[in-house]
Amino acid sequence: MDEEHQALMENQTWDLVKLPEGKRELQNKWVFKVKDEEGGKKIYKARLVVKGFTQKQ
């Protein structure tokens, strides 16, 4: 997870901005996955996703 977070920061994936008055931030969570490669090696993947179902229009 730390590697994925570091990659997001290095790639400037987002900009920090002030939240407008009366607005709430979107909730998010980390999703983890283990991939098996040939030879028995495991690769651990992580990604940050937004809980879109909490968004209001």
PDB file of N, CA and C in Angstrom:
ATOM      1  N   MET A   1       0.830  -1.182   0.000  1.00  0.00           N
ATOM      2  CA  MET A   1       0.000   0.000   0.000  1.00  0.00           C
ATOM      3  C   MET A   1       0.875   1.247   0.000  1.00  0.00           C
ATOM      4  N   ASP A   2       1.966   1.208   0.742  1.00  0.00           N
ATOM      5  CA  ASP A   2       2.854   2.368   0.788  1.00  0.00           C
ATOM      6  C   ASP A   2       3.444   2.676  -0.583  1.00  0.00           C
ATOM      7  N   GLU A   3       3.791   1.621  -1.343  1.00  0.00           N
ATOM      8  CA  GLU A   3       4.340   1.826  -2.685  1.00  0.00           C
ATOM      9  C   GLU A   3       3.306   2.467  -3.605  1.00  0.00           C
ATOM     10  N   GLU A   4       2.058   1.989  -3.538  1.00  0.00           N
ATOM     11  CA  GLU A   4       0.998   2.553  -4.376  1.00  0.00           C
ATOM     12  C   GLU A   4       0.750   4.015  -3.999  1.00  0.00           C
ATOM     13  N   HIS A   5       0.711   4.311  -2.703  1.00  0.00           N
ATOM     14  CA  HIS A   5       0.498   5.685  -2.244  1.00  0.00           C
ATOM     15  C   HIS A   5       1.631   6.581  -2.722  1.00  0.00           C
ATOM     16  N   GLN A   6       2.852   6.098  -2.606  1.00  0.00           N
ATOM     17  CA  GLN A   6       4.010   6.876  -3.053  1.00  0.00           C
ATOM     18  C   GLN A   6       3.930   7.150  -4.554  1.00  0.00           C
ATOM     19  N   ALA A   7       3.520   6.151  -5.342  1.00  0.00           N
ATOM     20  CA  ALA A   7       3.388   6.332  -6.791  1.00  0.00           C
ATOM     21  C   ALA A   7       2.325   7.382  -7.109  1.00  0.00           C
ATOM     22  N   LEU A   8       1.210   7.363  -6.381  1.00  0.00           N
ATOM     23  CA  LEU A   8       0.160   8.363  -6.593  1.00  0.00           C
ATOM     24  C   LEU A   8       0.681   9.763  -6.300  1.00  0.00           C
ATOM     25  N   MET A   9       1.453   9.900  -5.236  1.00  0.00           N
ATOM     26  CA  MET A   9       2.004  11.205  -4.872  1.00  0.00           C
ATOM     27  C   MET A   9       3.032  11.674  -5.904  1.00  0.00           C
ATOM     28  N   GLU A  10       3.918  10.785  -6.342  1.00  0.00           N
ATOM     29  CA  GLU A  10       4.951  11.150  -7.311  1.00  0.00           C
ATOM     30  C   GLU A  10       4.354  11.544  -8.658  1.00  0.00           C
ATOM     31  N   ASN A  11       3.249  10.904  -9.036  1.00  0.00           N
ATOM     32  CA  ASN A  11       2.601  11.198 -10.315  1.00  0.00           C
ATOM     33  C   ASN A  11       1.646  12.383 -10.229  1.00  0.00           C
ATOM     34  N   GLN A  12       1.585  13.015  -9.079  1.00  0.00           N
ATOM     35  CA  GLN A  12       0.694  14.159  -8.855  1.00  0.00           C
ATOM     36  C   GLN A  12      -0.724  13.837  -9.340  1.00  0.00           C
ATOM     37  N   THR A  13      -1.247  12.727  -8.824  1.00  0.00           N
ATOM     38  CA  THR A  13      -2.545  12.214  -9.245  1.00  0.00           C
ATOM     39  C   THR A  13      -3.686  13.155  -8.881  1.00  0.00           C
ATOM     40  N   TRP A  14      -3.525  13.915  -7.822  1.00  0.00           N
ATOM     41  CA  TRP A  14      -4.577  14.836  -7.392  1.00  0.00           C
ATOM     42  C   TRP A  14      -3.967  16.130  -6.872  1.00  0.00           C
ATOM     43  N   ASP A  15      -4.823  17.125  -6.744  1.00  0.00           N
ATOM     44  CA  ASP A  15      -4.431  18.407  -6.166  1.00  0.00           C
ATOM     45  C   ASP A  15      -5.235  18.614  -4.887  1.00  0.00           C
ATOM     46  N   LEU A  16      -4.580  19.075  -3.854  1.00  0.00           N
ATOM     47  CA  LEU A  16      -5.286  19.410  -2.625  1.00  0.00           C
ATOM     48  C   LEU A  16      -5.893  20.801  -2.772  1.00  0.00           C
ATOM     49  N   VAL A  17      -7.177  20.907  -2.506  1.00  0.00           N
ATOM     50  CA  VAL A  17      -7.879  22.185  -2.606  1.00  0.00           C
ATOM     51  C   VAL A  17      -8.739  22.354  -1.357  1.00  0.00           C
ATOM     52  N   LYS A  18      -9.103  23.604  -1.090  1.00  0.00           N
ATOM     53  CA  LYS A  18     -10.013  23.860   0.034  1.00  0.00           C
ATOM     54  C   LYS A  18     -11.404  23.389  -0.366  1.00  0.00           C
ATOM     55  N   LEU A  19     -12.078  22.772   0.585  1.00  0.00           N
ATOM     56  CA  LEU A  19     -13.426  22.287   0.357  1.00  0.00           C
ATOM     57  C   LEU A  19     -14.392  23.464   0.449  1.00  0.00           C
ATOM     58  N   PRO A  20     -15.249  23.663  -0.568  1.00  0.00           N
ATOM     59  CA  PRO A  20     -16.205  24.772  -0.504  1.00  0.00           C
ATOM     60  C   PRO A  20     -17.127  24.629   0.708  1.00  0.00           C
ATOM     61  N   GLU A  21     -17.540  25.757   1.234  1.00  0.00           N
ATOM     62  CA  GLU A  21     -18.414  25.762   2.405  1.00  0.00           C
ATOM     63  C   GLU A  21     -19.704  25.009   2.094  1.00  0.00           C
ATOM     64  N   GLY A  22     -20.128  24.188   3.021  1.00  0.00           N
ATOM     65  CA  GLY A  22     -21.360  23.426   2.858  1.00  0.00           C
ATOM     66  C   GLY A  22     -21.184  22.122   2.092  1.00  0.00           C
ATOM     67  N   LYS A  23     -19.978  21.808   1.663  1.00  0.00           N
ATOM     68  CA  LYS A  23     -19.723  20.577   0.904  1.00  0.00           C
ATOM     69  C   LYS A  23     -18.971  19.583   1.770  1.00  0.00           C
ATOM     70  N   ARG A  24     -19.120  18.306   1.455  1.00  0.00           N
ATOM     71  CA  ARG A  24     -18.412  17.246   2.178  1.00  0.00           C
ATOM     72  C   ARG A  24     -17.493  16.510   1.212  1.00  0.00           C
ATOM     73  N   GLU A  25     -16.407  15.992   1.755  1.00  0.00           N
ATOM     74  CA  GLU A  25     -15.486  15.223   0.916  1.00  0.00           C
ATOM     75  C   GLU A  25     -16.090  13.847   0.611  1.00  0.00           C
ATOM     76  N   LEU A  26     -15.670  13.273  -0.513  1.00  0.00           N
ATOM     77  CA  LEU A  26     -16.114  11.929  -0.862  1.00  0.00           C
ATOM     78  C   LEU A  26     -15.318  10.917  -0.046  1.00  0.00           C
ATOM     79  N   GLN A  27     -15.992   9.877   0.383  1.00  0.00           N
ATOM     80  CA  GLN A  27     -15.310   8.827   1.133  1.00  0.00           C
ATOM     81  C   GLN A  27     -14.532   7.947   0.160  1.00  0.00           C
ATOM     82  N   ASN A  28     -13.484   7.322   0.654  1.00  0.00           N
ATOM     83  CA  ASN A  28     -12.699   6.427  -0.185  1.00  0.00           C
ATOM     84  C   ASN A  28     -12.248   5.230   0.631  1.00  0.00           C
ATOM     85  N   LYS A  29     -11.687   4.261  -0.072  1.00  0.00           N
ATOM     86  CA  LYS A  29     -11.144   3.089   0.614  1.00  0.00           C
ATOM     87  C   LYS A  29     -10.066   2.464  -0.259  1.00  0.00           C
ATOM     88  N   TRP A  30      -9.220   1.652   0.362  1.00  0.00           N
ATOM     89  CA  TRP A  30      -8.189   0.909  -0.347  1.00  0.00           C
ATOM     90  C   TRP A  30      -8.745  -0.465  -0.708  1.00  0.00           C
ATOM     91  N   VAL A  31      -8.483  -0.899  -1.954  1.00  0.00           N
ATOM     92  CA  VAL A  31      -8.861  -2.236  -2.411  1.00  0.00           C
ATOM     93  C   VAL A  31      -7.570  -3.005  -2.648  1.00  0.00           C
ATOM     94  N   PHE A  32      -7.482  -4.197  -2.073  1.00  0.00           N
ATOM     95  CA  PHE A  32      -6.268  -5.001  -2.160  1.00  0.00           C
ATOM     96  C   PHE A  32      -6.517  -6.246  -3.001  1.00  0.00           C
ATOM     97  N   LYS A  33      -5.483  -6.682  -3.724  1.00  0.00           N
ATOM     98  CA  LYS A  33      -5.581  -7.869  -4.559  1.00  0.00           C
ATOM     99  C   LYS A  33      -4.233  -8.579  -4.546  1.00  0.00           C
ATOM    100  N   VAL A  34      -4.276  -9.901  -4.511  1.00  0.00           N
ATOM    101  CA  VAL A  34      -3.053 -10.698  -4.596  1.00  0.00           C
ATOM    102  C   VAL A  34      -3.078 -11.422  -5.931  1.00  0.00           C
ATOM    103  N   LYS A  35      -2.038 -11.202  -6.743  1.00  0.00           N
ATOM    104  CA  LYS A  35      -1.936 -11.857  -8.042  1.00  0.00           C
ATOM    105  C   LYS A  35      -0.852 -12.926  -7.957  1.00  0.00           C
ATOM    106  N   ASP A  36      -1.167 -14.106  -8.480  1.00  0.00           N
ATOM    107  CA  ASP A  36      -0.196 -15.195  -8.526  1.00  0.00           C
ATOM    108  C   ASP A  36       0.434 -15.238  -9.909  1.00  0.00           C
ATOM    109  N   GLU A  37       1.749 -15.198  -9.949  1.00  0.00           N
ATOM    110  CA  GLU A  37       2.468 -15.332 -11.208  1.00  0.00           C
ATOM    111  C   GLU A  37       2.993 -16.751 -11.316  1.00  0.00           C
ATOM    112  N   GLU A  38       3.410 -17.103 -12.526  1.00  0.00           N
ATOM    113  CA  GLU A  38       3.997 -18.422 -12.717  1.00  0.00           C
ATOM    114  C   GLU A  38       5.249 -18.530 -11.863  1.00  0.00           C
ATOM    115  N   GLY A  39       5.485 -19.704 -11.344  1.00  0.00           N
ATOM    116  CA  GLY A  39       6.626 -19.890 -10.467  1.00  0.00           C
ATOM    117  C   GLY A  39       6.272 -19.688  -9.004  1.00  0.00           C
ATOM    118  N   GLY A  40       5.001 -19.415  -8.721  1.00  0.00           N
ATOM    119  CA  GLY A  40       4.556 -19.286  -7.345  1.00  0.00           C
ATOM    120  C   GLY A  40       4.779 -17.926  -6.711  1.00  0.00           C
ATOM    121  N   LYS A  41       5.287 -16.971  -7.471  1.00  0.00           N
ATOM    122  CA  LYS A  41       5.519 -15.637  -6.915  1.00  0.00           C
ATOM    123  C   LYS A  41       4.190 -14.894  -6.772  1.00  0.00           C
ATOM    124  N   LYS A  42       4.028 -14.204  -5.663  1.00  0.00           N
ATOM    125  CA  LYS A  42       2.812 -13.421  -5.425  1.00  0.00           C
ATOM    126  C   LYS A  42       3.128 -11.938  -5.566  1.00  0.00           C
ATOM    127  N   ILE A  43       2.202 -11.222  -6.195  1.00  0.00           N
ATOM    128  CA  ILE A  43       2.315  -9.773  -6.322  1.00  0.00           C
ATOM    129  C   ILE A  43       1.130  -9.164  -5.583  1.00  0.00           C
ATOM    130  N   TYR A  44       1.426  -8.252  -4.683  1.00  0.00           N
ATOM    131  CA  TYR A  44       0.390  -7.596  -3.899  1.00  0.00           C
ATOM    132  C   TYR A  44       0.091  -6.240  -4.526  1.00  0.00           C
ATOM    133  N   LYS A  45      -1.175  -6.030  -4.897  1.00  0.00           N
ATOM    134  CA  LYS A  45      -1.595  -4.791  -5.544  1.00  0.00           C
ATOM    135  C   LYS A  45      -2.563  -4.057  -4.623  1.00  0.00           C
ATOM    136  N   ALA A  46      -2.574  -2.737  -4.732  1.00  0.00           N
ATOM    137  CA  ALA A  46      -3.506  -1.921  -3.954  1.00  0.00           C
ATOM    138  C   ALA A  46      -3.935  -0.742  -4.816  1.00  0.00           C
ATOM    139  N   ARG A  47      -5.197  -0.337  -4.661  1.00  0.00           N
ATOM    140  CA  ARG A  47      -5.648   0.866  -5.364  1.00  0.00           C
ATOM    141  C   ARG A  47      -6.634   1.610  -4.473  1.00  0.00           C
ATOM    142  N   LEU A  48      -6.651   2.906  -4.639  1.00  0.00           N
ATOM    143  CA  LEU A  48      -7.534   3.772  -3.867  1.00  0.00           C
ATOM    144  C   LEU A  48      -8.766   4.068  -4.713  1.00  0.00           C
ATOM    145  N   VAL A  49      -9.949   3.806  -4.180  1.00  0.00           N
ATOM    146  CA  VAL A  49     -11.189   4.032  -4.918  1.00  0.00           C
ATOM    147  C   VAL A  49     -12.119   4.926  -4.105  1.00  0.00           C
ATOM    148  N   VAL A  50     -12.974   5.654  -4.814  1.00  0.00           N
ATOM    149  CA  VAL A  50     -13.967   6.521  -4.172  1.00  0.00           C
ATOM    150  C   VAL A  50     -15.254   5.734  -4.021  1.00  0.00           C
ATOM    151  N   LYS A  51     -15.888   5.879  -2.872  1.00  0.00           N
ATOM    152  CA  LYS A  51     -17.184   5.248  -2.638  1.00  0.00           C
ATOM    153  C   LYS A  51     -18.245   6.126  -3.305  1.00  0.00           C
ATOM    154  N   GLY A  52     -18.442   5.927  -4.593  1.00  0.00           N
ATOM    155  CA  GLY A  52     -19.333   6.773  -5.378  1.00  0.00           C
ATOM    156  C   GLY A  52     -20.773   6.755  -4.918  1.00  0.00           C
ATOM    157  N   PHE A  53     -21.196   5.678  -4.274  1.00  0.00           N
ATOM    158  CA  PHE A  53     -22.579   5.589  -3.823  1.00  0.00           C
ATOM    159  C   PHE A  53     -22.898   6.600  -2.733  1.00  0.00           C
ATOM    160  N   THR A  54     -21.869   7.221  -2.139  1.00  0.00           N
ATOM    161  CA  THR A  54     -22.111   8.224  -1.100  1.00  0.00           C
ATOM    162  C   THR A  54     -22.226   9.630  -1.683  1.00  0.00           C
ATOM    163  N   GLN A  55     -21.991   9.754  -2.994  1.00  0.00           N
ATOM    164  CA  GLN A  55     -22.009  11.067  -3.635  1.00  0.00           C
ATOM    165  C   GLN A  55     -23.448  11.544  -3.827  1.00  0.00           C
ATOM    166  N   LYS A  56     -23.682  12.816  -3.538  1.00  0.00           N
ATOM    167  CA  LYS A  56     -24.997  13.423  -3.740  1.00  0.00           C
ATOM    168  C   LYS A  56     -24.880  14.481  -4.813  1.00  0.00           C
ATOM    169  N   GLN A  57     -25.959  14.669  -5.569  1.00  0.00           N
ATOM    170  CA  GLN A  57     -25.940  15.698  -6.617  1.00  0.00           C
ATOM    171  C   GLN A  57     -26.684  16.923  -6.180  1.00  0.00           C
TER     172      GLN A  57
END
